[in-house]
Protein backbone atom coordinates (compact mmCIF):
# COMPACT_ATOMS: atom_id res chain seq x y z
CA MET A 1 -5.89 -9.89 -13.74
CA ALA A 2 -6.02 -11.57 -9.86
CA ASN A 3 -6.31 -9.35 -6.93
CA PRO A 4 -6.59 -10.40 -3.10
CA SER A 5 -9.37 -7.75 -1.95
CA ALA A 6 -11.33 -5.05 -3.71
CA ASP A 7 -10.20 -2.19 -1.45
CA LEU A 8 -8.52 0.71 -2.52
CA TYR A 9 -5.26 0.90 -0.33
CA GLY A 10 -1.45 0.79 -1.71
CA SER A 11 -1.60 -2.19 -4.11
CA ASP A 12 -5.07 -2.01 -5.07
CA ARG A 13 -4.65 1.55 -6.70
CA MET A 14 -1.62 0.09 -8.59
CA MET A 15 -3.59 -2.64 -10.01
CA LEU A 16 -6.33 -0.16 -11.14
CA GLU A 17 -3.53 1.92 -12.60
CA THR A 18 -2.08 -1.26 -14.46
CA VAL A 19 -5.60 -1.42 -15.58
CA ARG A 20 -5.85 1.48 -16.92
CA GLY A 21 -2.81 1.06 -19.08
CA LEU A 22 -3.65 -2.03 -20.59
CA ARG A 23 -7.24 -0.48 -21.35
CA GLU A 24 -5.26 2.30 -22.74
CA ARG A 25 -4.08 -0.04 -25.17
CA ASP A 26 -7.63 -1.35 -25.98
CA TRP A 27 -7.07 -4.61 -24.28
CA THR A 28 -9.79 -6.29 -22.96
CA VAL A 29 -8.99 -6.91 -19.51
CA VAL A 30 -10.72 -8.91 -17.02
CA VAL A 31 -9.96 -8.59 -13.21
CA ALA A 32 -10.87 -11.66 -10.82
CA ALA A 33 -11.63 -10.28 -7.15
CA SER A 34 -12.20 -12.22 -4.15
CA GLN A 35 -14.89 -10.21 -3.20
CA ARG A 36 -17.03 -6.80 -4.50
CA GLY A 37 -15.59 -3.46 -2.74
CA PRO A 38 -14.90 -0.04 -3.57
CA LEU A 39 -12.21 -0.85 -6.22
CA VAL A 40 -14.78 -2.73 -8.20
CA PRO A 41 -16.66 0.69 -9.33
CA GLU A 42 -13.25 2.08 -10.16
CA LEU A 43 -12.52 -0.77 -12.41
CA GLU A 44 -15.63 -1.24 -14.20
CA ALA A 45 -15.51 2.72 -15.28
CA THR A 46 -12.34 1.86 -16.95
CA GLY A 47 -14.24 -0.80 -19.00
CA ALA A 48 -12.48 -3.39 -17.48
CA VAL A 49 -14.65 -6.65 -16.35
CA VAL A 50 -15.05 -7.99 -13.09
CA GLU A 51 -15.47 -11.33 -11.71
CA VAL A 52 -16.18 -12.01 -8.43
CA CYS A 53 -13.63 -15.42 -7.90
CA PRO A 54 -13.12 -16.21 -4.25
CA ALA A 55 -9.47 -17.21 -4.65
CA PRO A 56 -7.60 -18.45 -1.41
CA VAL A 57 -5.26 -15.89 -0.07
CA VAL A 58 -1.93 -16.75 1.97
CA ARG A 59 -1.56 -14.85 5.32
CA ARG A 60 0.66 -15.11 7.94
CA SER A 61 -2.09 -16.73 10.19
CA ASN A 62 -1.60 -19.76 7.78
CA LEU A 63 1.84 -20.43 9.14
CA SER A 64 0.57 -22.31 12.34
CA PRO A 65 -0.99 -25.99 11.51
CA ARG A 66 -4.46 -24.66 12.37
CA GLY A 67 -3.86 -21.87 9.47
CA MET A 68 -2.49 -24.26 7.10
CA ALA A 69 -5.27 -26.37 7.61
CA ARG A 70 -7.58 -23.43 6.74
CA LEU A 71 -5.93 -22.37 3.90
CA GLY A 72 -5.93 -26.22 2.71
CA TRP A 73 -9.73 -25.89 2.86
CA ASP A 74 -9.70 -22.54 0.95
CA VAL A 75 -7.62 -24.20 -1.93
CA LEU A 76 -10.19 -27.32 -2.09
CA ARG A 77 -13.26 -24.61 -1.91
CA GLY A 78 -11.73 -21.80 -4.45
CA LEU A 79 -9.48 -23.88 -7.33
CA PRO A 80 -12.28 -25.31 -9.10
CA ALA A 81 -13.83 -21.69 -9.75
CA MET A 82 -10.28 -20.76 -10.75
CA VAL A 83 -9.68 -23.16 -13.12
CA ARG A 84 -13.31 -22.71 -15.07
CA LEU A 85 -12.66 -18.76 -15.23
CA LEU A 86 -9.36 -19.69 -16.46
CA ARG A 87 -10.73 -21.94 -18.98
CA ARG A 88 -13.58 -19.77 -20.01
CA LEU A 89 -11.81 -16.76 -20.34
CA ARG A 90 -8.80 -18.48 -22.29
CA PRO A 91 -6.55 -15.24 -21.58
CA ASP A 92 -3.07 -14.35 -23.33
CA VAL A 93 -1.35 -13.18 -19.98
CA VAL A 94 -2.40 -13.73 -16.28
CA TYR A 95 -1.22 -10.74 -13.82
CA VAL A 96 -1.08 -11.71 -10.41
CA ASN A 97 -1.12 -8.83 -7.92
CA THR A 98 0.91 -9.26 -4.73
CA VAL A 99 2.01 -12.43 -3.51
CA THR A 100 -0.51 -13.40 -1.14
CA ILE A 101 -2.63 -15.25 -3.94
CA PRO A 102 0.02 -17.74 -5.51
CA PHE A 103 -2.53 -20.41 -6.59
CA TRP A 104 -3.40 -18.32 -9.77
CA LEU A 105 0.42 -18.92 -10.81
CA VAL A 106 0.15 -22.88 -10.13
CA LEU A 107 -2.53 -23.06 -12.47
CA THR A 108 -0.99 -20.82 -15.11
CA LYS A 109 1.97 -23.22 -15.11
CA VAL A 110 -0.62 -25.92 -15.31
CA LEU A 111 -2.43 -24.53 -17.89
CA ARG A 112 0.51 -23.25 -19.79
CA ILE A 113 -0.49 -19.38 -19.78
CA PRO A 114 2.25 -16.65 -19.61
CA SER A 115 2.16 -14.88 -16.21
CA ALA A 116 3.65 -12.10 -14.27
CA ILE A 117 3.59 -11.27 -10.47
CA HIS A 118 3.54 -8.04 -8.91
CA ILE A 119 5.19 -7.65 -5.77
CA HIS A 120 4.19 -5.15 -3.22
CA GLU A 121 5.79 -6.83 -0.12
CA ALA A 122 9.17 -6.93 1.73
CA GLU A 123 9.00 -9.11 4.30
CA GLY A 124 12.80 -9.03 5.20
CA SER A 125 12.51 -9.66 9.10
CA ALA A 126 9.95 -12.67 8.73
CA SER A 127 11.19 -16.24 9.52
CA SER A 128 13.19 -18.18 6.38
CA VAL A 129 10.40 -20.50 6.22
CA ALA A 130 7.74 -17.62 5.58
CA ARG A 131 10.03 -15.57 3.31
CA TYR A 132 10.67 -18.97 1.26
CA GLY A 133 6.54 -19.74 1.21
CA LEU A 134 6.38 -15.98 0.05
CA THR A 135 8.67 -15.73 -2.76
CA VAL A 136 7.55 -19.42 -4.35
CA PRO A 137 5.48 -17.25 -6.67
CA THR A 138 8.21 -15.50 -7.97
CA ARG A 139 9.67 -19.29 -8.86
CA LEU A 140 6.15 -20.05 -11.03
CA ALA A 141 5.87 -16.66 -12.80
CA ASP A 142 7.69 -16.04 -15.95
CA ARG A 143 7.96 -12.08 -15.23
CA VAL A 144 8.27 -10.59 -11.56
CA ILE A 145 7.76 -6.86 -11.13
CA CYS A 146 8.82 -5.19 -8.11
CA ASN A 147 7.54 -1.76 -6.63
CA SER A 148 11.13 -0.85 -5.13
CA ALA A 149 14.70 -1.93 -4.99
CA THR A 150 13.64 -2.70 -1.45
CA SER A 151 10.80 -5.48 -2.75
CA LEU A 152 13.33 -6.74 -5.30
CA GLU A 153 16.46 -7.04 -2.70
CA VAL A 154 13.95 -9.34 -0.18
CA ALA A 155 12.61 -11.58 -3.02
CA ASP A 156 16.09 -12.12 -4.25
CA ARG A 157 17.30 -12.93 -0.82
CA SER A 158 14.82 -15.07 -0.33
CA GLY A 159 15.64 -17.32 -3.39
CA GLY A 160 13.48 -15.63 -6.48
CA ARG A 161 14.85 -15.72 -9.92
CA ARG A 162 16.85 -12.34 -10.24
CA SER A 163 16.81 -12.75 -13.81
CA ARG A 164 12.99 -12.40 -14.59
CA MET A 165 12.90 -9.32 -12.11
CA GLN A 166 12.75 -5.85 -12.46
CA VAL A 167 11.77 -2.69 -10.79
CA ILE A 168 8.70 -0.73 -11.48
CA PRO A 169 8.28 2.34 -9.10
CA ASN A 170 4.74 2.81 -8.23
CA GLY A 171 2.96 5.82 -9.95
CA VAL A 172 0.94 7.32 -7.69
CA VAL A 173 -2.22 9.86 -8.69
CA GLY A 174 -2.17 13.17 -7.02
CA PRO A 175 -4.91 15.36 -6.28
CA GLU A 176 -6.63 17.46 -8.71
CA ARG A 177 -5.02 20.50 -7.49
CA VAL A 178 -2.46 21.58 -4.86
CA GLU A 179 -3.41 23.70 -2.02
CA PRO A 180 -0.60 25.11 -0.36
CA PRO A 181 -0.25 24.13 3.24
CA ARG A 182 -1.55 26.96 5.82
CA GLU A 183 0.88 30.05 6.02
CA THR A 184 0.59 29.94 9.72
CA VAL A 185 -0.25 26.96 12.10
CA GLN A 186 -1.83 27.77 15.71
CA ASP A 187 -3.74 24.36 15.95
CA PRO A 188 -1.48 21.73 14.28
CA ARG A 189 -3.54 18.78 12.38
CA LEU A 190 -1.95 15.48 12.09
CA LEU A 191 -3.14 12.68 9.95
CA PHE A 192 -2.75 9.06 9.39
CA VAL A 193 -3.66 7.34 6.51
CA GLY A 194 -3.72 3.82 5.93
CA ARG A 195 -4.73 0.35 7.23
CA LEU A 196 -5.63 0.35 11.17
CA SER A 197 -3.23 -2.24 12.12
CA PRO A 198 -0.24 -2.89 14.48
CA ARG A 199 2.02 -3.11 11.67
CA LYS A 200 1.24 0.45 10.60
CA GLY A 201 1.98 1.55 13.89
CA VAL A 202 -1.24 3.89 14.44
CA ASP A 203 -1.30 3.67 18.32
CA VAL A 204 2.33 5.34 17.66
CA ALA A 205 0.80 8.23 16.41
CA VAL A 206 -1.93 8.23 19.15
CA ARG A 207 0.40 7.93 21.98
CA ALA A 208 2.62 10.95 20.33
CA LEU A 209 -0.50 13.24 20.09
CA GLY A 210 -1.06 12.30 23.93
CA ALA A 211 2.53 13.60 24.71
CA LEU A 212 2.03 16.75 22.46
CA ARG A 213 -1.36 17.59 24.07
CA GLY A 214 0.55 16.80 27.65
CA ALA A 215 2.97 19.58 26.59
CA GLY A 216 0.55 22.16 26.02
CA ALA A 217 -0.07 22.00 22.28
CA PRO A 218 -3.48 22.28 20.76
CA VAL A 219 -2.91 19.36 18.54
CA SER A 220 -5.51 17.03 16.79
CA LEU A 221 -5.23 13.65 14.92
CA ASP A 222 -7.28 12.61 12.14
CA LEU A 223 -7.26 8.58 11.55
CA VAL A 224 -8.36 7.91 8.01
CA GLY A 225 -8.65 3.72 7.42
CA ALA A 226 -10.10 1.03 8.67
CA VAL A 227 -9.03 -2.53 9.99
CA PHE A 228 -8.77 -5.87 8.00
CA PRO A 229 -11.44 -8.39 9.17
CA GLY A 230 -10.21 -10.20 11.92
CA TYR A 231 -8.42 -7.13 13.22
CA GLU A 232 -11.62 -5.38 14.98
CA TRP A 233 -9.53 -6.05 18.36
CA TYR A 234 -6.94 -3.68 17.43
CA GLU A 235 -9.14 -1.00 16.65
CA ALA A 236 -10.84 -1.51 19.84
CA GLU A 237 -7.78 -1.24 21.67
CA LEU A 238 -7.02 1.97 19.88
CA ARG A 239 -10.42 3.34 20.91
CA GLU A 240 -9.55 2.54 24.48
CA LEU A 241 -6.10 3.92 24.28
CA VAL A 242 -7.70 7.25 23.17
CA ARG A 243 -10.16 7.17 25.82
CA THR A 244 -7.50 6.39 28.78
CA GLU A 245 -5.28 9.18 27.36
CA GLY A 246 -8.01 11.80 27.70
CA LEU A 247 -7.88 12.16 23.43
CA GLY A 248 -11.52 11.72 23.10
CA ASP A 249 -11.73 15.40 21.86
CA ALA A 250 -8.59 15.56 19.76
CA VAL A 251 -8.81 11.95 17.80
CA THR A 252 -11.47 11.31 14.75
CA PHE A 253 -12.00 8.16 13.54
CA HIS A 254 -13.15 8.52 9.66
CA GLY A 255 -13.06 4.99 8.79
CA PHE A 256 -12.10 3.97 5.12
CA THR A 257 -12.62 6.94 2.41
CA PRO A 258 -11.48 6.14 -1.11
CA ASP A 259 -10.86 9.59 -1.19
CA VAL A 260 -8.17 10.60 1.05
CA TRP A 261 -7.34 14.38 -0.75
CA PRO A 262 -9.59 16.46 1.38
CA HIS A 263 -8.01 15.35 4.59
CA LEU A 264 -4.75 15.65 3.12
CA ARG A 265 -5.71 19.16 2.49
CA ALA A 266 -6.85 19.93 5.74
CA ALA A 267 -3.60 18.62 7.13
CA ASP A 268 -0.81 20.33 8.58
CA VAL A 269 1.65 17.14 9.00
CA VAL A 270 1.23 13.54 7.93
CA LEU A 271 2.32 10.54 10.00
CA VAL A 272 3.74 7.21 8.47
CA PRO A 273 4.87 5.88 11.73
CA SER A 274 4.88 2.06 10.48
CA ARG A 275 6.78 -0.43 12.73
CA ALA A 276 7.00 -3.33 10.43
CA GLU A 277 8.98 -3.55 6.64
CA GLU A 278 6.87 -1.50 3.91
CA SER A 279 8.06 -2.21 0.32
CA PHE A 280 7.18 1.28 -0.84
CA GLY A 281 5.66 4.26 0.74
CA ASN A 282 2.19 5.24 -1.22
CA GLY A 283 1.24 7.48 1.91
CA VAL A 284 4.60 9.36 1.95
CA ILE A 285 4.04 10.15 -1.81
CA GLU A 286 0.72 10.95 -1.25
CA ALA A 287 1.60 13.66 1.08
CA ALA A 288 4.45 14.95 -1.08
CA LEU A 289 1.81 15.22 -3.78
CA SER A 290 -0.53 16.91 -1.50
CA ALA A 291 2.58 19.24 -0.73
CA ARG A 292 2.42 18.28 3.40
CA PRO A 293 5.57 17.57 5.12
CA VAL A 294 5.81 13.93 6.55
CA VAL A 295 7.25 12.48 9.71
CA VAL A 296 8.14 8.73 8.67
CA SER A 297 9.61 5.60 10.18
CA ASP A 298 13.27 5.37 8.70
CA HIS A 299 13.42 1.92 7.47
CA THR A 300 13.03 -0.06 4.35
CA GLY A 301 10.83 1.01 1.11
CA LEU A 302 9.76 4.00 3.40
CA ARG A 303 13.27 5.43 3.75
CA GLU A 304 13.40 4.52 -0.10
CA ALA A 305 10.06 6.66 -0.85
CA ALA A 306 11.41 9.63 1.43
CA ALA A 307 14.93 9.85 -0.27
CA HIS A 308 14.25 12.58 -2.46
CA LEU A 309 11.79 14.52 -0.60
CA GLU A 310 13.04 17.60 1.66
CA ALA A 311 10.10 18.45 3.95
CA VAL A 312 10.38 14.88 5.49
CA VAL A 313 11.87 13.83 8.97
CA ALA A 314 12.61 10.18 9.42
CA VAL A 315 12.75 8.72 12.81
CA PRO A 316 13.21 5.52 14.47
CA ALA A 317 10.40 2.93 14.42
CA ASP A 318 7.98 2.37 17.28
CA GLN A 319 9.14 5.45 19.40
CA PRO A 320 6.41 7.95 20.03
CA THR A 321 8.93 10.41 21.50
CA ALA A 322 10.83 10.63 18.31
CA VAL A 323 7.66 11.27 16.63
CA VAL A 324 7.06 14.44 18.86
CA ASP A 325 10.38 15.30 18.04
CA ALA A 326 9.88 15.43 14.47
CA VAL A 327 6.85 17.11 14.46
CA ARG A 328 8.09 20.05 16.85
CA GLN A 329 11.02 20.39 14.02
CA LEU A 330 8.35 20.50 11.40
CA LEU A 331 6.56 23.14 13.07
CA ASP A 332 9.18 25.57 14.72
CA ASP A 333 10.70 26.45 11.49
CA TRP A 334 7.29 26.42 9.39
CA PRO A 335 8.04 28.75 6.51
CA GLN A 336 11.10 26.82 5.44
CA THR A 337 8.74 23.35 6.07
CA ARG A 338 6.24 24.97 3.72
CA SER A 339 8.47 26.15 1.00
CA ARG A 340 9.86 22.41 0.76
CA ALA A 341 6.83 20.78 0.89
CA LEU A 342 5.52 22.80 -2.01
CA ARG A 343 8.89 21.74 -3.70
CA ASP A 344 8.22 18.14 -2.80
CA ALA A 345 4.79 18.42 -4.43
CA ASP A 346 6.60 19.33 -7.90
CA ASP A 347 9.33 16.70 -7.77
CA ALA A 348 7.16 13.79 -6.67
CA ALA A 349 4.55 14.75 -9.43
CA ARG A 350 7.30 14.01 -11.93
CA ARG A 351 9.11 11.12 -10.18
CA TYR A 352 5.91 9.30 -9.80
CA ALA A 353 3.68 10.12 -12.91
CA PRO A 354 0.98 7.30 -13.22
CA GLU A 355 1.77 7.87 -17.13
CA ARG A 356 4.96 6.42 -16.67
CA TYR A 357 4.13 3.53 -14.36
CA ARG A 358 1.05 2.26 -16.78
CA ARG A 359 3.57 2.69 -19.64
CA ASP A 360 6.04 0.55 -18.05
CA VAL A 361 4.15 -2.28 -16.82
CA SER A 362 1.65 -2.61 -19.82
CA ALA A 363 4.83 -3.10 -21.88
CA VAL A 364 5.97 -5.82 -19.66
CA LEU A 365 2.57 -7.78 -19.93
CA ALA A 366 2.52 -7.19 -23.80
CA ASP A 367 5.91 -8.65 -24.38
CA LEU A 368 4.57 -11.48 -22.27
CA ALA A 369 1.66 -11.73 -24.72
CA GLY A 370 3.49 -11.48 -27.97
CA ALA A 371 1.14 -8.26 -28.39
């Protein structure tokens, strides 16, 4: 099994659930991670073996001439170790998590190893060249698992082989216990969980907070997450925005934490203000599992994730004023919002049960391996 990182964000957590499903079948599982990180001890706790094998990762920055040159160098450095690992292990099947590490699939073709790729991306608005490049792996894999109808549609539209694709919705592990929302809210606590990146619209959340506080509301915002390496400039911009808006005492940067549930329990409303396409909305489902209402951007996989929830207000992307109005809407009828959020927790626990996810994904891999 190959993963581009060792973090504990959405696709990483799904990788972990996939490993758990295979270990439940008593499979020997080896995970190739590009580096060590918080995902590694979680994987090892399942009984999986983790091999650190820096594999080339395809990012948007590689689409420029300089980026292509850098990627070419990464390929030359990384492929020999990848080949050695595959020849040493001689796996029955290779599972590649996300389209960003396609060179594993190139090697499976060369070495004639059955393979599956799990798509967690939905780059529908990218250029045709970028979409083509990102979907090339779907042509190399024997099976393609998509985490949503949104990601399947984008992959299919970009030239993927539809006959090899299927949708398996994410299975999201919920909190050990659901703590009901506060009965009354005098000092609303807003929460953002996820990567700190322009795509995620974290600055939209900060600007919305500024507008709410400017209108006299005693609102606070907690930011739980960190930046990708190389995006430190964005966190610096966020901190400067907080300073210039006079929000220093209202915004808390918590950094990355593998356990988001204490933050969700402490929150009143969760914000998911992504600007860019999302193949799915794990953050939306985590909020629902915690019985917390959500303000979410109304597009792509976020819309799909929120479709069955009641305590959700969908807003146009990149519009802080719309986020402000949505927060007020949820707070103005808090007893109704609270009741809806509690119903959402029950519905999400059934709909996104990790057991169902583990069963379905492991069945695909067992079929490929002839097990």
